[in-house]
N, C-alpha and C. Protein backbone atom coordinates (compact mmCIF):
# COMPACT_ATOMS: atom_id res chain seq x y z
N MET A 1 -12.10 19.20 22.86
CA MET A 1 -13.30 19.05 22.06
C MET A 1 -13.99 17.75 22.43
N GLY A 2 -15.24 17.82 22.78
CA GLY A 2 -15.98 16.64 23.18
C GLY A 2 -16.61 15.93 22.00
N PHE A 3 -16.84 14.64 22.18
CA PHE A 3 -17.51 13.81 21.19
C PHE A 3 -18.11 12.61 21.90
N GLU A 4 -18.87 11.81 21.16
CA GLU A 4 -19.48 10.62 21.75
C GLU A 4 -19.01 9.37 21.04
N ALA A 5 -19.01 8.26 21.79
CA ALA A 5 -18.62 6.96 21.24
C ALA A 5 -19.41 5.87 21.94
N LEU A 6 -19.55 4.74 21.26
CA LEU A 6 -20.12 3.55 21.88
C LEU A 6 -18.98 2.87 22.62
N VAL A 7 -19.03 2.90 23.94
CA VAL A 7 -17.93 2.39 24.76
C VAL A 7 -18.39 1.14 25.51
N ILE A 8 -17.58 0.08 25.39
CA ILE A 8 -17.83 -1.16 26.13
C ILE A 8 -16.97 -1.11 27.38
N THR A 9 -17.60 -1.33 28.53
CA THR A 9 -16.88 -1.36 29.80
C THR A 9 -17.09 -2.73 30.45
N LYS A 10 -16.23 -3.02 31.41
CA LYS A 10 -16.31 -4.28 32.15
C LYS A 10 -16.26 -3.96 33.63
N ASP A 11 -17.23 -4.48 34.40
CA ASP A 11 -17.26 -4.19 35.83
C ASP A 11 -16.39 -5.19 36.60
N ASP A 12 -16.33 -5.00 37.91
CA ASP A 12 -15.49 -5.86 38.76
C ASP A 12 -15.93 -7.32 38.76
N ASP A 13 -17.18 -7.57 38.40
CA ASP A 13 -17.69 -8.95 38.35
C ASP A 13 -17.47 -9.59 36.98
N GLY A 14 -16.84 -8.84 36.05
CA GLY A 14 -16.57 -9.36 34.72
C GLY A 14 -17.70 -9.17 33.73
N LYS A 15 -18.77 -8.47 34.14
CA LYS A 15 -19.90 -8.23 33.25
C LYS A 15 -19.59 -7.02 32.36
N THR A 16 -19.85 -7.20 31.06
CA THR A 16 -19.62 -6.10 30.13
C THR A 16 -20.94 -5.40 29.79
N SER A 17 -20.83 -4.12 29.48
CA SER A 17 -21.99 -3.35 29.03
C SER A 17 -21.49 -2.30 28.04
N ALA A 18 -22.41 -1.84 27.20
CA ALA A 18 -22.07 -0.83 26.20
C ALA A 18 -23.03 0.34 26.32
N ALA A 19 -22.49 1.54 26.16
CA ALA A 19 -23.31 2.75 26.24
C ALA A 19 -22.67 3.86 25.41
N ILE A 20 -23.53 4.73 24.89
CA ILE A 20 -23.03 5.95 24.24
C ILE A 20 -22.47 6.82 25.35
N THR A 21 -21.20 7.18 25.21
CA THR A 21 -20.47 7.83 26.29
C THR A 21 -19.81 9.11 25.79
N PRO A 22 -19.94 10.22 26.53
CA PRO A 22 -19.21 11.43 26.15
C PRO A 22 -17.72 11.26 26.46
N LEU A 23 -16.87 11.68 25.52
CA LEU A 23 -15.42 11.59 25.67
C LEU A 23 -14.78 12.90 25.24
N GLU A 24 -13.50 13.01 25.57
CA GLU A 24 -12.68 14.14 25.13
C GLU A 24 -11.56 13.59 24.26
N LEU A 25 -10.95 14.44 23.42
CA LEU A 25 -9.87 13.98 22.56
C LEU A 25 -8.75 13.31 23.35
N GLY A 26 -8.51 13.78 24.56
CA GLY A 26 -7.48 13.19 25.41
C GLY A 26 -7.78 11.76 25.83
N ASP A 27 -9.02 11.32 25.67
CA ASP A 27 -9.38 9.94 26.00
C ASP A 27 -8.98 8.96 24.91
N LEU A 28 -8.75 9.47 23.69
CA LEU A 28 -8.37 8.58 22.59
C LEU A 28 -7.00 7.97 22.84
N PRO A 29 -6.80 6.75 22.38
CA PRO A 29 -5.46 6.16 22.47
C PRO A 29 -4.47 7.02 21.68
N GLN A 30 -3.20 6.96 22.07
CA GLN A 30 -2.17 7.72 21.37
C GLN A 30 -2.18 7.34 19.90
N ALA A 31 -2.12 8.35 19.02
CA ALA A 31 -2.27 8.09 17.60
C ALA A 31 -1.53 9.13 16.77
N ASP A 32 -1.25 8.75 15.51
CA ASP A 32 -0.65 9.69 14.55
C ASP A 32 -1.69 10.61 13.95
N VAL A 33 -2.91 10.07 13.79
CA VAL A 33 -3.95 10.79 13.06
C VAL A 33 -5.27 10.72 13.84
N VAL A 34 -5.95 11.85 13.95
CA VAL A 34 -7.30 11.87 14.50
C VAL A 34 -8.26 12.09 13.33
N VAL A 35 -9.24 11.19 13.24
CA VAL A 35 -10.22 11.23 12.15
C VAL A 35 -11.59 11.55 12.71
N ALA A 36 -12.27 12.51 12.08
CA ALA A 36 -13.69 12.74 12.37
C ALA A 36 -14.45 11.68 11.59
N VAL A 37 -15.01 10.72 12.32
CA VAL A 37 -15.68 9.59 11.69
C VAL A 37 -17.03 10.03 11.13
N GLU A 38 -17.23 9.75 9.87
CA GLU A 38 -18.50 10.08 9.22
C GLU A 38 -19.39 8.84 9.07
N TYR A 39 -18.76 7.70 8.79
CA TYR A 39 -19.51 6.45 8.60
C TYR A 39 -18.69 5.27 9.10
N SER A 40 -19.40 4.28 9.59
CA SER A 40 -18.84 2.98 9.91
C SER A 40 -19.92 1.97 9.55
N THR A 41 -19.59 0.69 9.57
CA THR A 41 -20.59 -0.33 9.30
C THR A 41 -20.61 -1.32 10.45
N VAL A 42 -21.65 -2.12 10.51
CA VAL A 42 -21.76 -3.15 11.54
C VAL A 42 -21.37 -4.48 10.90
N ASN A 43 -20.36 -5.11 11.44
CA ASN A 43 -19.84 -6.37 10.94
C ASN A 43 -19.97 -7.45 12.00
N TYR A 44 -19.75 -8.67 11.60
CA TYR A 44 -19.83 -9.82 12.50
C TYR A 44 -18.93 -9.63 13.72
N LYS A 45 -17.70 -9.18 13.49
CA LYS A 45 -16.77 -8.99 14.61
C LYS A 45 -17.25 -7.91 15.57
N ASP A 46 -17.97 -6.91 15.05
CA ASP A 46 -18.53 -5.90 15.94
C ASP A 46 -19.57 -6.53 16.85
N GLY A 47 -20.38 -7.41 16.30
CA GLY A 47 -21.36 -8.14 17.11
C GLY A 47 -20.69 -8.96 18.19
N LEU A 48 -19.59 -9.60 17.83
CA LEU A 48 -18.85 -10.38 18.84
C LEU A 48 -18.32 -9.48 19.95
N CYS A 49 -17.78 -8.32 19.57
CA CYS A 49 -17.25 -7.40 20.57
C CYS A 49 -18.33 -6.95 21.55
N LEU A 50 -19.56 -6.84 21.06
CA LEU A 50 -20.66 -6.38 21.90
C LEU A 50 -21.32 -7.52 22.68
N ALA A 51 -20.91 -8.76 22.40
CA ALA A 51 -21.45 -9.92 23.12
C ALA A 51 -20.90 -9.93 24.55
N PRO A 52 -21.54 -10.66 25.45
CA PRO A 52 -21.04 -10.74 26.83
C PRO A 52 -19.55 -11.09 26.87
N GLY A 53 -18.82 -10.34 27.67
CA GLY A 53 -17.39 -10.57 27.82
C GLY A 53 -16.54 -10.09 26.66
N GLY A 54 -17.13 -9.36 25.73
CA GLY A 54 -16.38 -8.88 24.57
C GLY A 54 -16.21 -9.93 23.49
N GLY A 55 -16.98 -11.01 23.58
CA GLY A 55 -16.99 -12.03 22.55
C GLY A 55 -15.67 -12.72 22.30
N GLY A 56 -14.77 -12.63 23.26
CA GLY A 56 -13.46 -13.26 23.08
C GLY A 56 -12.49 -12.42 22.26
N LEU A 57 -12.96 -11.30 21.71
CA LEU A 57 -12.08 -10.44 20.91
C LEU A 57 -11.49 -9.30 21.73
N VAL A 58 -12.30 -8.73 22.60
CA VAL A 58 -11.86 -7.57 23.38
C VAL A 58 -11.08 -8.06 24.59
N ARG A 59 -9.87 -7.58 24.72
CA ARG A 59 -9.01 -7.99 25.83
C ARG A 59 -8.77 -6.85 26.83
N LYS A 60 -8.99 -5.61 26.36
CA LYS A 60 -8.70 -4.45 27.20
C LYS A 60 -9.92 -3.53 27.20
N PHE A 61 -10.34 -3.15 28.38
CA PHE A 61 -11.50 -2.28 28.55
C PHE A 61 -11.06 -0.98 29.21
N PRO A 62 -11.73 0.14 28.96
CA PRO A 62 -12.86 0.32 28.06
C PRO A 62 -12.44 0.13 26.59
N HIS A 63 -13.45 -0.12 25.74
CA HIS A 63 -13.16 -0.39 24.33
C HIS A 63 -14.25 0.21 23.45
N VAL A 64 -13.84 0.66 22.26
CA VAL A 64 -14.76 1.18 21.25
C VAL A 64 -14.71 0.24 20.05
N PRO A 65 -15.82 -0.46 19.73
CA PRO A 65 -15.83 -1.35 18.56
C PRO A 65 -15.97 -0.56 17.26
N GLY A 66 -16.08 -1.29 16.16
CA GLY A 66 -16.22 -0.68 14.84
C GLY A 66 -15.01 -0.99 13.99
N ILE A 67 -15.06 -2.11 13.22
CA ILE A 67 -13.85 -2.58 12.54
C ILE A 67 -13.54 -1.81 11.26
N ASP A 68 -14.40 -0.90 10.87
CA ASP A 68 -14.07 -0.05 9.73
C ASP A 68 -14.66 1.34 9.94
N LEU A 69 -14.12 2.29 9.21
CA LEU A 69 -14.61 3.67 9.30
C LEU A 69 -14.15 4.45 8.09
N ALA A 70 -14.87 5.52 7.82
CA ALA A 70 -14.48 6.48 6.80
C ALA A 70 -14.75 7.87 7.37
N GLY A 71 -13.84 8.79 7.09
CA GLY A 71 -14.01 10.13 7.62
C GLY A 71 -12.97 11.10 7.12
N THR A 72 -12.84 12.21 7.86
CA THR A 72 -11.97 13.32 7.48
C THR A 72 -10.89 13.52 8.54
N VAL A 73 -9.66 13.68 8.10
CA VAL A 73 -8.54 13.91 9.02
C VAL A 73 -8.74 15.26 9.70
N GLU A 74 -8.69 15.23 11.04
CA GLU A 74 -8.79 16.47 11.83
C GLU A 74 -7.42 16.95 12.29
N SER A 75 -6.52 16.01 12.55
CA SER A 75 -5.15 16.37 12.91
C SER A 75 -4.24 15.21 12.54
N SER A 76 -2.97 15.54 12.24
CA SER A 76 -2.04 14.49 11.84
C SER A 76 -0.61 14.90 12.15
N SER A 77 0.15 13.97 12.71
CA SER A 77 1.59 14.18 12.90
C SER A 77 2.37 13.41 11.85
N ASP A 78 1.67 12.81 10.89
CA ASP A 78 2.29 12.03 9.82
C ASP A 78 2.17 12.81 8.51
N ALA A 79 3.29 12.95 7.80
CA ALA A 79 3.33 13.77 6.59
C ALA A 79 2.43 13.24 5.48
N ARG A 80 2.03 11.99 5.54
CA ARG A 80 1.18 11.42 4.49
C ARG A 80 -0.25 11.95 4.53
N TYR A 81 -0.66 12.49 5.68
CA TYR A 81 -2.05 12.94 5.83
C TYR A 81 -2.09 14.35 6.37
N LYS A 82 -2.98 15.15 5.78
CA LYS A 82 -3.15 16.52 6.25
C LYS A 82 -4.62 16.75 6.61
N VAL A 83 -4.85 17.78 7.38
CA VAL A 83 -6.21 18.13 7.78
C VAL A 83 -7.08 18.27 6.54
N GLY A 84 -8.25 17.64 6.58
CA GLY A 84 -9.18 17.71 5.46
C GLY A 84 -9.14 16.51 4.53
N ASP A 85 -8.08 15.69 4.62
CA ASP A 85 -8.01 14.49 3.78
C ASP A 85 -9.12 13.51 4.15
N LYS A 86 -9.71 12.91 3.14
CA LYS A 86 -10.72 11.86 3.34
C LYS A 86 -9.99 10.52 3.38
N VAL A 87 -10.31 9.69 4.39
CA VAL A 87 -9.61 8.42 4.59
C VAL A 87 -10.58 7.30 4.96
N VAL A 88 -10.08 6.07 4.79
CA VAL A 88 -10.80 4.86 5.17
C VAL A 88 -9.86 4.01 6.00
N SER A 89 -10.41 3.28 6.96
CA SER A 89 -9.63 2.31 7.73
C SER A 89 -10.43 1.02 7.82
N THR A 90 -9.78 -0.08 7.51
CA THR A 90 -10.35 -1.41 7.69
C THR A 90 -9.20 -2.37 7.95
N GLY A 91 -9.41 -3.29 8.86
CA GLY A 91 -8.33 -4.22 9.20
C GLY A 91 -7.48 -3.71 10.34
N TRP A 92 -6.28 -4.25 10.47
CA TRP A 92 -5.31 -3.86 11.50
C TRP A 92 -5.82 -4.11 12.91
N ARG A 93 -6.88 -4.89 13.06
CA ARG A 93 -7.53 -5.19 14.33
C ARG A 93 -8.16 -3.96 14.98
N VAL A 94 -8.39 -2.92 14.15
CA VAL A 94 -9.14 -1.75 14.61
C VAL A 94 -10.55 -2.24 14.95
N GLY A 95 -11.07 -1.80 16.09
CA GLY A 95 -12.38 -2.25 16.55
C GLY A 95 -12.34 -3.53 17.34
N GLU A 96 -11.19 -4.22 17.33
CA GLU A 96 -11.01 -5.44 18.11
C GLU A 96 -9.97 -5.18 19.21
N ALA A 97 -8.72 -5.04 18.81
CA ALA A 97 -7.63 -4.78 19.76
C ALA A 97 -7.39 -3.28 19.96
N HIS A 98 -7.85 -2.49 19.01
CA HIS A 98 -7.67 -1.03 19.05
C HIS A 98 -9.04 -0.38 18.94
N TRP A 99 -9.18 0.80 19.52
CA TRP A 99 -10.45 1.51 19.43
C TRP A 99 -10.82 1.72 17.97
N GLY A 100 -12.14 1.58 17.69
CA GLY A 100 -12.60 1.60 16.31
C GLY A 100 -13.54 2.72 15.94
N GLY A 101 -14.39 2.43 14.96
CA GLY A 101 -15.17 3.45 14.28
C GLY A 101 -16.54 3.77 14.84
N PHE A 102 -16.97 3.13 15.93
CA PHE A 102 -18.26 3.47 16.52
C PHE A 102 -18.09 4.67 17.45
N SER A 103 -17.59 5.73 16.87
CA SER A 103 -17.23 6.93 17.61
C SER A 103 -17.26 8.11 16.65
N GLN A 104 -17.47 9.29 17.19
CA GLN A 104 -17.42 10.48 16.34
C GLN A 104 -15.99 10.89 16.02
N ARG A 105 -15.03 10.40 16.79
CA ARG A 105 -13.60 10.64 16.55
C ARG A 105 -12.86 9.33 16.74
N ALA A 106 -11.80 9.13 15.95
CA ALA A 106 -10.96 7.94 16.10
C ALA A 106 -9.50 8.37 16.02
N GLY A 107 -8.70 7.85 16.94
CA GLY A 107 -7.27 8.06 16.92
C GLY A 107 -6.60 6.82 16.35
N LEU A 108 -5.90 6.98 15.23
CA LEU A 108 -5.37 5.82 14.51
C LEU A 108 -3.92 6.04 14.09
N ARG A 109 -3.21 4.93 13.90
CA ARG A 109 -1.88 5.00 13.30
C ARG A 109 -2.05 5.32 11.82
N ALA A 110 -1.15 6.11 11.29
CA ALA A 110 -1.24 6.49 9.87
C ALA A 110 -1.19 5.28 8.96
N ASP A 111 -0.44 4.25 9.33
CA ASP A 111 -0.34 3.04 8.50
C ASP A 111 -1.67 2.31 8.38
N TRP A 112 -2.61 2.58 9.26
CA TRP A 112 -3.91 1.91 9.24
C TRP A 112 -4.90 2.61 8.32
N LEU A 113 -4.49 3.69 7.70
CA LEU A 113 -5.39 4.50 6.87
C LEU A 113 -5.08 4.33 5.39
N VAL A 114 -6.11 4.51 4.59
CA VAL A 114 -5.99 4.52 3.13
C VAL A 114 -6.68 5.79 2.65
N PRO A 115 -6.00 6.58 1.79
CA PRO A 115 -6.68 7.75 1.25
C PRO A 115 -7.90 7.34 0.43
N LEU A 116 -8.97 8.06 0.58
CA LEU A 116 -10.18 7.77 -0.18
C LEU A 116 -9.95 8.20 -1.63
N PRO A 117 -10.20 7.32 -2.59
CA PRO A 117 -10.00 7.70 -4.00
C PRO A 117 -10.92 8.84 -4.41
N ASP A 118 -10.45 9.68 -5.33
CA ASP A 118 -11.28 10.75 -5.87
C ASP A 118 -12.55 10.16 -6.45
N GLY A 119 -13.66 10.85 -6.25
CA GLY A 119 -14.92 10.41 -6.81
C GLY A 119 -15.69 9.43 -5.94
N LEU A 120 -15.09 9.01 -4.82
CA LEU A 120 -15.76 8.08 -3.91
C LEU A 120 -16.01 8.80 -2.59
N SER A 121 -17.25 8.86 -2.17
CA SER A 121 -17.58 9.54 -0.92
C SER A 121 -17.34 8.60 0.26
N THR A 122 -17.27 9.17 1.45
CA THR A 122 -17.12 8.34 2.65
C THR A 122 -18.34 7.43 2.82
N ARG A 123 -19.49 7.92 2.46
CA ARG A 123 -20.70 7.10 2.54
C ARG A 123 -20.62 5.92 1.58
N GLN A 124 -20.20 6.17 0.35
CA GLN A 124 -20.07 5.09 -0.62
C GLN A 124 -19.03 4.07 -0.17
N ALA A 125 -17.94 4.54 0.41
CA ALA A 125 -16.90 3.62 0.88
C ALA A 125 -17.44 2.68 1.94
N MET A 126 -18.26 3.19 2.84
CA MET A 126 -18.80 2.33 3.89
C MET A 126 -20.01 1.53 3.41
N ALA A 127 -20.65 1.96 2.33
CA ALA A 127 -21.71 1.12 1.76
C ALA A 127 -21.10 -0.18 1.25
N VAL A 128 -19.90 -0.10 0.74
CA VAL A 128 -19.15 -1.29 0.31
C VAL A 128 -18.59 -1.99 1.54
N GLY A 129 -18.03 -1.23 2.45
CA GLY A 129 -17.56 -1.75 3.73
C GLY A 129 -16.47 -2.80 3.64
N THR A 130 -16.18 -3.39 4.77
CA THR A 130 -15.13 -4.40 4.87
C THR A 130 -15.45 -5.62 4.02
N ALA A 131 -16.71 -6.04 4.00
CA ALA A 131 -17.08 -7.22 3.20
C ALA A 131 -16.83 -6.97 1.72
N GLY A 132 -17.23 -5.82 1.22
CA GLY A 132 -17.02 -5.50 -0.18
C GLY A 132 -15.55 -5.37 -0.54
N PHE A 133 -14.79 -4.74 0.35
CA PHE A 133 -13.36 -4.57 0.14
C PHE A 133 -12.68 -5.93 0.08
N THR A 134 -13.02 -6.82 1.02
CA THR A 134 -12.44 -8.16 1.06
C THR A 134 -12.81 -8.95 -0.19
N ALA A 135 -14.07 -8.88 -0.59
CA ALA A 135 -14.51 -9.59 -1.79
C ALA A 135 -13.77 -9.12 -3.03
N MET A 136 -13.61 -7.81 -3.17
CA MET A 136 -12.92 -7.28 -4.35
C MET A 136 -11.46 -7.68 -4.35
N LEU A 137 -10.82 -7.68 -3.18
CA LEU A 137 -9.42 -8.14 -3.11
C LEU A 137 -9.31 -9.58 -3.58
N ALA A 138 -10.27 -10.42 -3.20
CA ALA A 138 -10.25 -11.83 -3.62
C ALA A 138 -10.41 -11.95 -5.13
N VAL A 139 -11.35 -11.20 -5.71
CA VAL A 139 -11.56 -11.24 -7.16
C VAL A 139 -10.31 -10.73 -7.88
N MET A 140 -9.72 -9.65 -7.39
CA MET A 140 -8.51 -9.13 -8.01
C MET A 140 -7.37 -10.15 -7.95
N ALA A 141 -7.26 -10.87 -6.84
CA ALA A 141 -6.21 -11.90 -6.72
C ALA A 141 -6.43 -13.01 -7.73
N LEU A 142 -7.68 -13.43 -7.93
CA LEU A 142 -7.97 -14.46 -8.93
C LEU A 142 -7.55 -13.98 -10.32
N GLU A 143 -7.90 -12.75 -10.65
CA GLU A 143 -7.56 -12.23 -11.97
C GLU A 143 -6.06 -11.99 -12.10
N ASP A 144 -5.40 -11.59 -11.02
CA ASP A 144 -3.94 -11.42 -11.06
C ASP A 144 -3.23 -12.75 -11.33
N HIS A 145 -3.88 -13.85 -10.96
CA HIS A 145 -3.31 -15.18 -11.21
C HIS A 145 -3.78 -15.75 -12.54
N GLY A 146 -4.40 -14.92 -13.37
CA GLY A 146 -4.73 -15.31 -14.73
C GLY A 146 -6.12 -15.85 -14.98
N LEU A 147 -6.98 -15.85 -13.98
CA LEU A 147 -8.33 -16.38 -14.18
C LEU A 147 -9.12 -15.48 -15.12
N LYS A 148 -9.81 -16.12 -16.08
CA LYS A 148 -10.64 -15.41 -17.04
C LYS A 148 -12.04 -16.01 -17.03
N PRO A 149 -13.07 -15.22 -17.38
CA PRO A 149 -14.44 -15.73 -17.36
C PRO A 149 -14.68 -16.97 -18.22
N ASP A 150 -13.92 -17.14 -19.29
CA ASP A 150 -14.16 -18.27 -20.19
C ASP A 150 -13.50 -19.57 -19.72
N GLN A 151 -12.90 -19.56 -18.54
CA GLN A 151 -12.19 -20.75 -18.05
C GLN A 151 -13.06 -21.67 -17.20
N GLY A 152 -14.34 -21.40 -17.11
CA GLY A 152 -15.22 -22.27 -16.36
C GLY A 152 -15.74 -21.59 -15.10
N PRO A 153 -16.61 -22.30 -14.38
CA PRO A 153 -17.24 -21.69 -13.20
C PRO A 153 -16.26 -21.44 -12.05
N VAL A 154 -16.60 -20.44 -11.26
CA VAL A 154 -15.85 -20.10 -10.05
C VAL A 154 -16.71 -20.49 -8.85
N LEU A 155 -16.14 -21.27 -7.95
CA LEU A 155 -16.85 -21.70 -6.75
C LEU A 155 -16.71 -20.64 -5.66
N VAL A 156 -17.84 -20.19 -5.13
CA VAL A 156 -17.84 -19.25 -4.01
C VAL A 156 -18.53 -19.95 -2.85
N THR A 157 -17.77 -20.25 -1.80
CA THR A 157 -18.36 -20.85 -0.60
C THR A 157 -18.83 -19.74 0.33
N GLY A 158 -19.81 -20.05 1.15
CA GLY A 158 -20.37 -19.02 2.03
C GLY A 158 -21.00 -17.91 1.23
N ALA A 159 -21.58 -18.25 0.09
CA ALA A 159 -22.04 -17.26 -0.87
C ALA A 159 -23.17 -16.37 -0.37
N ALA A 160 -23.90 -16.79 0.65
CA ALA A 160 -24.99 -15.97 1.17
C ALA A 160 -24.53 -15.02 2.27
N GLY A 161 -23.28 -15.12 2.68
CA GLY A 161 -22.74 -14.23 3.70
C GLY A 161 -22.31 -12.90 3.10
N GLY A 162 -21.77 -12.03 3.93
CA GLY A 162 -21.38 -10.69 3.49
C GLY A 162 -20.35 -10.71 2.38
N VAL A 163 -19.18 -11.31 2.63
CA VAL A 163 -18.12 -11.36 1.63
C VAL A 163 -18.55 -12.21 0.44
N GLY A 164 -19.15 -13.36 0.72
CA GLY A 164 -19.55 -14.27 -0.35
C GLY A 164 -20.56 -13.69 -1.30
N SER A 165 -21.56 -12.98 -0.78
CA SER A 165 -22.58 -12.42 -1.67
C SER A 165 -22.02 -11.29 -2.52
N VAL A 166 -21.13 -10.48 -1.95
CA VAL A 166 -20.51 -9.42 -2.75
C VAL A 166 -19.60 -10.04 -3.81
N ALA A 167 -18.82 -11.06 -3.44
CA ALA A 167 -17.95 -11.73 -4.41
C ALA A 167 -18.78 -12.35 -5.53
N THR A 168 -19.89 -12.97 -5.19
CA THR A 168 -20.78 -13.56 -6.19
C THR A 168 -21.28 -12.50 -7.16
N ALA A 169 -21.72 -11.37 -6.63
CA ALA A 169 -22.24 -10.28 -7.47
C ALA A 169 -21.14 -9.70 -8.37
N ILE A 170 -19.95 -9.48 -7.81
CA ILE A 170 -18.84 -8.93 -8.61
C ILE A 170 -18.48 -9.88 -9.74
N LEU A 171 -18.29 -11.16 -9.40
CA LEU A 171 -17.91 -12.14 -10.42
C LEU A 171 -18.97 -12.25 -11.51
N ALA A 172 -20.24 -12.29 -11.12
CA ALA A 172 -21.31 -12.38 -12.11
C ALA A 172 -21.32 -11.16 -13.03
N ASN A 173 -21.10 -9.98 -12.45
CA ASN A 173 -21.08 -8.75 -13.25
C ASN A 173 -19.87 -8.68 -14.18
N LEU A 174 -18.81 -9.40 -13.84
CA LEU A 174 -17.62 -9.44 -14.70
C LEU A 174 -17.72 -10.54 -15.76
N GLY A 175 -18.84 -11.27 -15.76
CA GLY A 175 -19.05 -12.28 -16.79
C GLY A 175 -18.67 -13.70 -16.41
N TYR A 176 -18.32 -13.93 -15.15
CA TYR A 176 -17.98 -15.28 -14.70
C TYR A 176 -19.25 -16.08 -14.44
N GLU A 177 -19.16 -17.39 -14.66
CA GLU A 177 -20.20 -18.30 -14.21
C GLU A 177 -19.87 -18.62 -12.76
N VAL A 178 -20.80 -18.40 -11.86
CA VAL A 178 -20.55 -18.58 -10.43
C VAL A 178 -21.31 -19.79 -9.92
N ALA A 179 -20.60 -20.68 -9.23
CA ALA A 179 -21.22 -21.78 -8.50
C ALA A 179 -21.26 -21.35 -7.04
N ALA A 180 -22.41 -20.90 -6.59
CA ALA A 180 -22.56 -20.34 -5.24
C ALA A 180 -22.97 -21.45 -4.27
N VAL A 181 -22.19 -21.62 -3.20
CA VAL A 181 -22.45 -22.65 -2.20
C VAL A 181 -22.85 -21.99 -0.89
N THR A 182 -23.91 -22.51 -0.29
CA THR A 182 -24.35 -22.01 1.01
C THR A 182 -24.96 -23.16 1.80
N GLY A 183 -24.92 -23.04 3.08
CA GLY A 183 -25.57 -24.02 3.95
C GLY A 183 -27.00 -23.65 4.26
N ARG A 184 -27.48 -22.57 3.65
CA ARG A 184 -28.83 -22.08 3.92
C ARG A 184 -29.67 -22.16 2.64
N PRO A 185 -30.41 -23.25 2.46
CA PRO A 185 -31.20 -23.43 1.24
C PRO A 185 -32.19 -22.29 0.98
N GLU A 186 -32.66 -21.63 2.03
CA GLU A 186 -33.64 -20.56 1.85
C GLU A 186 -33.06 -19.34 1.13
N THR A 187 -31.74 -19.29 0.92
CA THR A 187 -31.11 -18.15 0.23
C THR A 187 -30.94 -18.40 -1.26
N GLU A 188 -31.46 -19.51 -1.77
CA GLU A 188 -31.26 -19.84 -3.19
C GLU A 188 -31.75 -18.73 -4.12
N ASP A 189 -32.96 -18.24 -3.91
CA ASP A 189 -33.50 -17.19 -4.79
C ASP A 189 -32.63 -15.93 -4.74
N TYR A 190 -32.21 -15.56 -3.54
CA TYR A 190 -31.33 -14.39 -3.37
C TYR A 190 -30.05 -14.56 -4.18
N LEU A 191 -29.42 -15.72 -4.07
CA LEU A 191 -28.16 -15.96 -4.77
C LEU A 191 -28.35 -15.99 -6.28
N ARG A 192 -29.45 -16.51 -6.74
CA ARG A 192 -29.71 -16.53 -8.19
C ARG A 192 -29.89 -15.11 -8.73
N GLU A 193 -30.43 -14.21 -7.91
CA GLU A 193 -30.60 -12.81 -8.33
C GLU A 193 -29.26 -12.09 -8.48
N LEU A 194 -28.28 -12.51 -7.71
CA LEU A 194 -26.97 -11.87 -7.78
C LEU A 194 -26.31 -12.15 -9.11
């Protein structure tokens, strides 16, 4: 079965280039699970991977970037996942050291997948993306350590960035007073709206 992916290649002179490339399932790295990718997002690390030379992240070519993805299991040799399951992958160096989500198909280790919770679509999962997932993990860790909204302001550094802005919005919506720090004064109005 054929599909397409954004593939980064490196020529004999060390120059990298990226192109939408037709592939076959046999081209995928060996994997426990093949996922039909429905959505992925563009993250900072994806930009680095697409930079000249693979941005210092890509060590093996050809390579498919995309550090997160959501989709449907097409095949699985792991009992935890069956055909038709909706899954998400973020982390595990997928899209950096391993082929990622800028593809219509992804071959992944089962341990790199998380079942999509009921009521959450693959589109919604990627609308939140890696930045949202990371921000929520940070907020949950603060609350797991006993932090409550009435204990004073929470400092968020890098507040105008992807993770920082989502963390700022989550904390504000949970009733925390947020002290948002950024090196970009022009983002003040944006941060106040969060």
